Amino acid sequence: MLFVGILAVSSSALLIRYAQREAPSLVIAAFRMGFSALILLPLTLPRHAPELRRLTRVELGLAALGGGLLALHFASWILSLEYTSVASSVVLVTTNPLWVALLAPLFLKERLTPAVLLGMLVALGGGLLVGLSSSGNLSAGSQPLLGNFLALVGAWTGAGYILIGRRLRPVLPLTPYIFLVYGMAALVLAAMLAFSGLPVSGFSNGTYMYMLLLALLPQLLGHSSFNWALAHLPASFVSIALLGEPVGAIVLAFFLLGETPGLLELLGGGLILAGIFIATVQPSAKKTG
């Protein structure tokens, strides 16, 4: 499931770049989550209404917080793609294993195993190489410092989203969980869009199709695969698997956007894959305390 998720989310940056030719970044984020929530609506309410009614106020609050963090994650990361390269953006936004690893012992009482810790360090080292080598792909109007910072904001909020998912998924089935979180993210982004005054209509059919594909592939297939895994694997391990996204995104950007990877990017991609492999040797984490 994690492998399927990596393949699906690797298409995200490419689809966003295509949609950004016409639509503002916040509009893309709002449509991505709005389409996702609408697709899940008829699949959730008829079958999972009892589970939703049994949720406590604390669990509902956590789901709302997770949705809010997910909204901020997409708003900041999608905007980062306007200012920096695909490679830099996806590498920085997938540094969330570092932040998950730092916070999981505090919030989830999950102690990292040596295999997971080593895999995280190797993969993050590969991510650093990819980020260092990406400046050659930037256009004249790019602002890499701003774009890289926005991608880091996406990593921080994404880490919080993963931690909350690890807390809720063992007690809530996948479909009602992602419906709550994606739906809250859609509401938050819709509110941000309303205050921004950005247009939501007048785009070409192709742009709307790219935003629908963002909902179907990287969101409903990709993110939902990761959310499924959070019920069975430690948050730190799932977040390490997300580091496979830059590899797929770089390959797609090479063939479809003309962003040629350099030697450092290729070496970094190899280290990312090696880190994921090392982490899978011993994926289970122990509880502290």
Protein backbone atom coordinates (compact mmCIF):
# COMPACT_ATOMS: atom_id res chain seq x y z
CA MET A 1 0.00 0.00 0.00
CA LEU A 2 2.87 2.38 0.76
CA PHE A 3 4.41 1.62 -2.63
CA VAL A 4 1.11 2.38 -4.37
CA GLY A 5 0.86 5.59 -2.36
CA ILE A 6 4.37 6.68 -3.40
CA LEU A 7 3.59 6.13 -7.08
CA ALA A 8 0.36 8.14 -6.80
CA VAL A 9 1.74 11.14 -4.88
CA SER A 10 4.72 11.37 -7.25
CA SER A 11 2.32 12.78 -9.86
CA SER A 12 1.22 15.61 -7.57
CA ALA A 13 3.89 18.23 -8.36
CA LEU A 14 3.54 17.64 -12.09
CA LEU A 15 -0.26 18.02 -12.08
CA ILE A 16 0.07 21.16 -9.95
CA ARG A 17 2.56 22.69 -12.38
CA TYR A 18 0.12 22.10 -15.25
CA ALA A 19 -2.80 23.60 -13.30
CA GLN A 20 -0.71 26.63 -12.27
CA ARG A 21 -0.59 27.76 -15.87
CA GLU A 22 -4.08 29.18 -15.31
CA ALA A 23 -5.20 28.73 -11.70
CA PRO A 24 -3.73 30.34 -8.53
CA SER A 25 -2.15 27.97 -6.02
CA LEU A 26 -4.83 28.45 -3.35
CA VAL A 27 -7.54 27.67 -5.89
CA ILE A 28 -5.76 24.44 -6.84
CA ALA A 29 -5.47 23.39 -3.20
CA ALA A 30 -9.14 24.15 -2.51
CA PHE A 31 -10.39 22.27 -5.56
CA ARG A 32 -8.14 19.31 -4.80
CA MET A 33 -9.60 18.85 -1.33
CA GLY A 34 -13.13 19.87 -2.36
CA PHE A 35 -13.28 17.24 -5.10
CA SER A 36 -11.87 14.65 -2.68
CA ALA A 37 -14.49 15.37 -0.02
CA LEU A 38 -17.36 15.32 -2.52
CA ILE A 39 -16.26 11.97 -3.94
CA LEU A 40 -16.06 10.51 -0.41
CA LEU A 41 -19.45 11.87 0.70
CA PRO A 42 -21.70 9.18 -0.87
CA LEU A 43 -19.20 6.48 0.12
CA THR A 44 -19.10 7.50 3.78
CA LEU A 45 -22.46 8.64 5.15
CA PRO A 46 -24.64 5.64 4.15
CA ARG A 47 -22.17 3.06 5.53
CA HIS A 48 -20.24 4.77 8.32
CA ALA A 49 -22.73 7.05 10.05
CA PRO A 50 -22.65 4.91 13.26
CA GLU A 51 -18.85 5.21 13.56
CA LEU A 52 -19.06 8.96 13.08
CA ARG A 53 -21.74 9.31 15.76
CA ARG A 54 -19.63 7.34 18.25
CA LEU A 55 -16.67 9.72 18.02
CA THR A 56 -15.86 11.64 21.19
CA ARG A 57 -15.36 15.40 21.28
CA VAL A 58 -11.63 14.87 21.64
CA GLU A 59 -11.50 12.63 18.57
CA LEU A 60 -13.61 15.07 16.55
CA GLY A 61 -11.34 17.88 17.65
CA LEU A 62 -8.26 15.96 16.60
CA ALA A 63 -9.81 15.20 13.21
CA ALA A 64 -10.63 18.89 12.75
CA LEU A 65 -7.07 19.84 13.73
CA GLY A 66 -5.68 17.27 11.32
CA GLY A 67 -7.82 18.71 8.54
CA GLY A 68 -6.66 22.23 9.33
CA LEU A 69 -3.02 21.16 9.24
CA LEU A 70 -3.63 19.35 5.95
CA ALA A 71 -5.13 22.52 4.48
CA LEU A 72 -2.09 24.56 5.51
CA HIS A 73 0.19 21.83 4.18
CA PHE A 74 -1.29 22.03 0.69
CA ALA A 75 -1.70 25.81 0.67
CA SER A 76 1.99 26.37 1.50
CA TRP A 77 3.48 23.53 -0.54
CA ILE A 78 1.50 24.18 -3.73
CA LEU A 79 2.47 27.87 -3.51
CA SER A 80 6.13 26.87 -3.11
CA LEU A 81 6.04 25.32 -6.60
CA GLU A 82 5.57 28.81 -8.03
CA TYR A 83 8.93 29.93 -6.65
CA THR A 84 11.31 26.97 -6.64
CA SER A 85 12.03 23.83 -8.64
CA VAL A 86 10.02 20.63 -8.41
CA ALA A 87 13.06 18.84 -6.97
CA SER A 88 13.70 21.36 -4.18
CA SER A 89 10.02 21.67 -3.31
CA VAL A 90 9.21 17.97 -3.05
CA VAL A 91 12.45 17.17 -1.24
CA LEU A 92 11.93 19.85 1.40
CA VAL A 93 8.24 19.08 1.91
CA THR A 94 9.09 15.42 2.45
CA THR A 95 11.55 16.18 5.25
CA ASN A 96 8.62 15.52 7.59
CA PRO A 97 10.24 12.27 8.84
CA LEU A 98 12.67 14.43 10.77
CA TRP A 99 9.87 16.40 12.43
CA VAL A 100 7.76 13.27 13.01
CA ALA A 101 10.76 11.53 14.57
CA LEU A 102 11.35 14.47 16.90
CA LEU A 103 7.71 14.69 17.99
CA ALA A 104 6.52 11.05 17.95
CA PRO A 105 8.20 10.13 21.28
CA LEU A 106 6.46 13.09 22.91
CA PHE A 107 2.96 12.73 21.42
CA LEU A 108 2.72 9.03 20.56
CA LYS A 109 5.30 7.44 22.88
CA GLU A 110 6.83 5.68 19.88
CA ARG A 111 10.54 4.99 20.26
CA LEU A 112 12.51 4.79 17.03
CA THR A 113 14.23 1.51 16.25
CA PRO A 114 17.86 1.68 15.03
CA ALA A 115 16.79 0.56 11.53
CA VAL A 116 14.20 3.33 11.20
CA LEU A 117 16.59 5.95 12.56
CA LEU A 118 19.37 4.91 10.18
CA GLY A 119 16.98 4.78 7.24
CA MET A 120 15.72 8.27 8.08
CA LEU A 121 19.26 9.70 8.23
CA VAL A 122 20.30 8.07 4.95
CA ALA A 123 17.13 9.24 3.18
CA LEU A 124 17.41 12.78 4.52
CA GLY A 125 21.02 12.87 3.35
CA GLY A 126 19.80 11.95 -0.11
CA GLY A 127 17.17 14.67 0.11
CA LEU A 128 19.88 17.21 0.95
CA LEU A 129 21.84 16.24 -2.17
CA VAL A 130 18.76 16.63 -4.35
CA GLY A 131 18.01 20.05 -2.85
CA LEU A 132 21.58 21.28 -3.32
CA SER A 133 21.59 20.31 -6.98
CA SER A 134 18.25 21.80 -8.01
CA SER A 135 19.21 25.45 -8.48
CA GLY A 136 20.04 24.90 -12.15
CA ASN A 137 16.40 24.19 -12.93
CA LEU A 138 15.07 27.52 -11.70
CA SER A 139 13.65 30.16 -14.02
CA ALA A 140 14.68 33.79 -13.98
CA GLY A 141 11.61 34.86 -12.00
CA SER A 142 11.97 32.28 -9.27
CA GLN A 143 12.44 33.12 -5.58
CA PRO A 144 14.05 29.93 -4.24
CA LEU A 145 14.42 31.14 -0.65
CA LEU A 146 10.71 31.93 -0.38
CA GLY A 147 9.74 28.75 -2.21
CA ASN A 148 11.98 26.59 -0.03
CA PHE A 149 10.60 28.16 3.16
CA LEU A 150 7.02 27.53 2.01
CA ALA A 151 7.94 23.91 1.29
CA LEU A 152 9.32 23.62 4.84
CA VAL A 153 6.07 25.01 6.22
CA GLY A 154 4.38 22.26 4.24
CA ALA A 155 6.70 19.72 5.89
CA TRP A 156 5.96 20.99 9.42
CA THR A 157 2.19 20.98 8.95
CA GLY A 158 2.38 17.64 7.15
CA ALA A 159 4.20 16.14 10.13
CA GLY A 160 1.41 17.25 12.45
CA TYR A 161 -1.15 15.73 10.10
CA ILE A 162 0.70 12.38 10.15
CA LEU A 163 0.97 12.36 13.95
CA ILE A 164 -2.75 12.99 14.34
CA GLY A 165 -3.50 10.28 11.79
CA ARG A 166 -1.44 7.79 13.76
CA ARG A 167 -3.46 8.71 16.88
CA LEU A 168 -6.89 8.37 15.24
CA ARG A 169 -6.55 5.65 12.62
CA PRO A 170 -6.37 2.70 15.08
CA VAL A 171 -9.79 3.71 16.47
CA LEU A 172 -11.48 4.93 13.27
CA PRO A 173 -11.90 3.10 9.94
CA LEU A 174 -10.14 4.57 6.92
CA THR A 175 -13.14 5.91 4.98
CA PRO A 176 -14.78 7.97 7.77
CA TYR A 177 -11.34 9.19 8.91
CA ILE A 178 -10.28 10.55 5.52
CA PHE A 179 -13.78 11.95 4.94
CA LEU A 180 -13.53 13.98 8.17
CA VAL A 181 -9.97 15.15 7.57
CA TYR A 182 -10.28 15.88 3.86
CA GLY A 183 -13.65 17.54 4.43
CA MET A 184 -12.26 19.83 7.14
CA ALA A 185 -9.29 20.68 4.92
CA ALA A 186 -11.70 21.55 2.11
CA LEU A 187 -13.71 23.85 4.41
CA VAL A 188 -10.59 25.63 5.68
CA LEU A 189 -9.27 26.13 2.16
CA ALA A 190 -12.70 27.34 0.96
CA ALA A 191 -12.73 29.93 3.75
CA MET A 192 -9.21 31.06 2.82
CA LEU A 193 -10.29 31.27 -0.81
CA ALA A 194 -13.36 33.36 0.06
CA PHE A 195 -11.23 35.90 1.94
CA SER A 196 -8.61 36.00 -0.82
CA GLY A 197 -11.00 37.15 -3.53
CA LEU A 198 -9.36 34.85 -6.08
CA PRO A 199 -11.48 33.63 -9.02
CA VAL A 200 -12.86 30.09 -8.91
CA SER A 201 -14.31 29.99 -12.42
CA GLY A 202 -13.32 30.85 -15.95
CA PHE A 203 -10.52 28.29 -16.26
CA SER A 204 -10.22 25.89 -19.15
CA ASN A 205 -11.61 22.37 -18.98
CA GLY A 206 -8.05 21.07 -18.93
CA THR A 207 -7.24 22.98 -15.74
CA TYR A 208 -10.32 21.61 -13.98
CA MET A 209 -9.31 18.15 -15.18
CA TYR A 210 -5.83 18.55 -13.64
CA MET A 211 -7.42 19.55 -10.32
CA LEU A 212 -9.78 16.56 -10.46
CA LEU A 213 -6.83 14.27 -11.17
CA LEU A 214 -5.08 15.75 -8.13
CA ALA A 215 -8.03 14.60 -6.05
CA LEU A 216 -8.22 11.14 -7.61
CA LEU A 217 -4.53 10.16 -7.81
CA PRO A 218 -2.25 11.78 -5.22
CA GLN A 219 -5.05 12.51 -2.72
CA LEU A 220 -7.62 9.70 -2.72
CA LEU A 221 -5.21 7.00 -3.87
CA GLY A 222 -1.89 8.31 -2.54
CA HIS A 223 -2.65 10.01 0.78
CA SER A 224 -5.36 7.49 1.58
CA SER A 225 -2.82 4.67 1.18
CA PHE A 226 -0.61 6.39 3.76
CA ASN A 227 -3.58 6.90 6.06
CA TRP A 228 -4.42 3.20 5.76
CA ALA A 229 -0.85 2.32 6.72
CA LEU A 230 -0.98 4.58 9.80
CA ALA A 231 -3.32 2.05 11.44
CA HIS A 232 -0.65 -0.65 11.17
CA LEU A 233 2.77 1.03 11.18
CA PRO A 234 4.53 3.67 13.33
CA ALA A 235 4.18 7.28 12.17
CA SER A 236 7.95 7.59 11.74
CA PHE A 237 8.07 4.62 9.35
CA VAL A 238 5.14 5.87 7.23
CA SER A 239 6.72 9.33 7.01
CA ILE A 240 10.00 7.80 5.78
CA ALA A 241 8.11 6.07 2.97
CA LEU A 242 6.95 9.52 1.83
CA LEU A 243 10.56 10.24 0.89
CA GLY A 244 10.03 8.11 -2.20
CA GLU A 245 7.94 10.95 -3.68
CA PRO A 246 10.91 13.14 -4.78
CA VAL A 247 12.34 10.27 -6.83
CA GLY A 248 9.13 9.79 -8.80
CA ALA A 249 8.56 13.53 -9.11
CA ILE A 250 12.07 14.12 -10.50
CA VAL A 251 11.59 11.39 -13.11
CA LEU A 252 8.23 12.84 -14.22
CA ALA A 253 9.63 16.39 -14.27
CA PHE A 254 12.47 15.22 -16.53
CA PHE A 255 10.18 13.65 -19.12
CA LEU A 256 7.26 16.08 -19.02
CA LEU A 257 8.64 19.43 -17.78
CA GLY A 258 12.17 19.28 -19.15
CA GLU A 259 13.80 19.64 -15.72
CA THR A 260 16.97 17.56 -16.15
CA PRO A 261 18.30 15.96 -12.97
CA GLY A 262 22.01 16.41 -12.26
CA LEU A 263 24.45 13.92 -10.84
CA LEU A 264 23.74 15.01 -7.27
CA GLU A 265 20.01 14.56 -7.80
CA LEU A 266 20.55 11.04 -9.10
CA LEU A 267 22.84 10.17 -6.19
CA GLY A 268 20.37 11.71 -3.77
CA GLY A 269 17.49 9.73 -5.25
CA GLY A 270 19.50 6.55 -4.79
CA LEU A 271 20.14 7.40 -1.13
CA ILE A 272 16.43 8.08 -0.59
CA LEU A 273 15.53 4.66 -1.93
CA ALA A 274 18.29 3.07 0.16
CA GLY A 275 16.97 4.79 3.27
CA ILE A 276 13.47 3.45 2.67
CA PHE A 277 14.87 -0.06 2.18
CA ILE A 278 16.90 0.12 5.39
CA ALA A 279 13.85 1.28 7.33
CA THR A 280 11.78 -1.66 6.07
CA VAL A 281 14.21 -4.15 7.62
CA GLN A 282 12.72 -3.52 11.07
CA PRO A 283 9.60 -1.33 10.69
CA SER A 284 8.07 -1.76 14.12
CA ALA A 285 8.64 0.78 16.87
CA LYS A 286 8.34 0.15 20.55
CA LYS A 287 6.35 2.15 23.02
CA THR A 288 8.22 4.19 25.57
CA GLY A 289 7.32 4.36 29.19
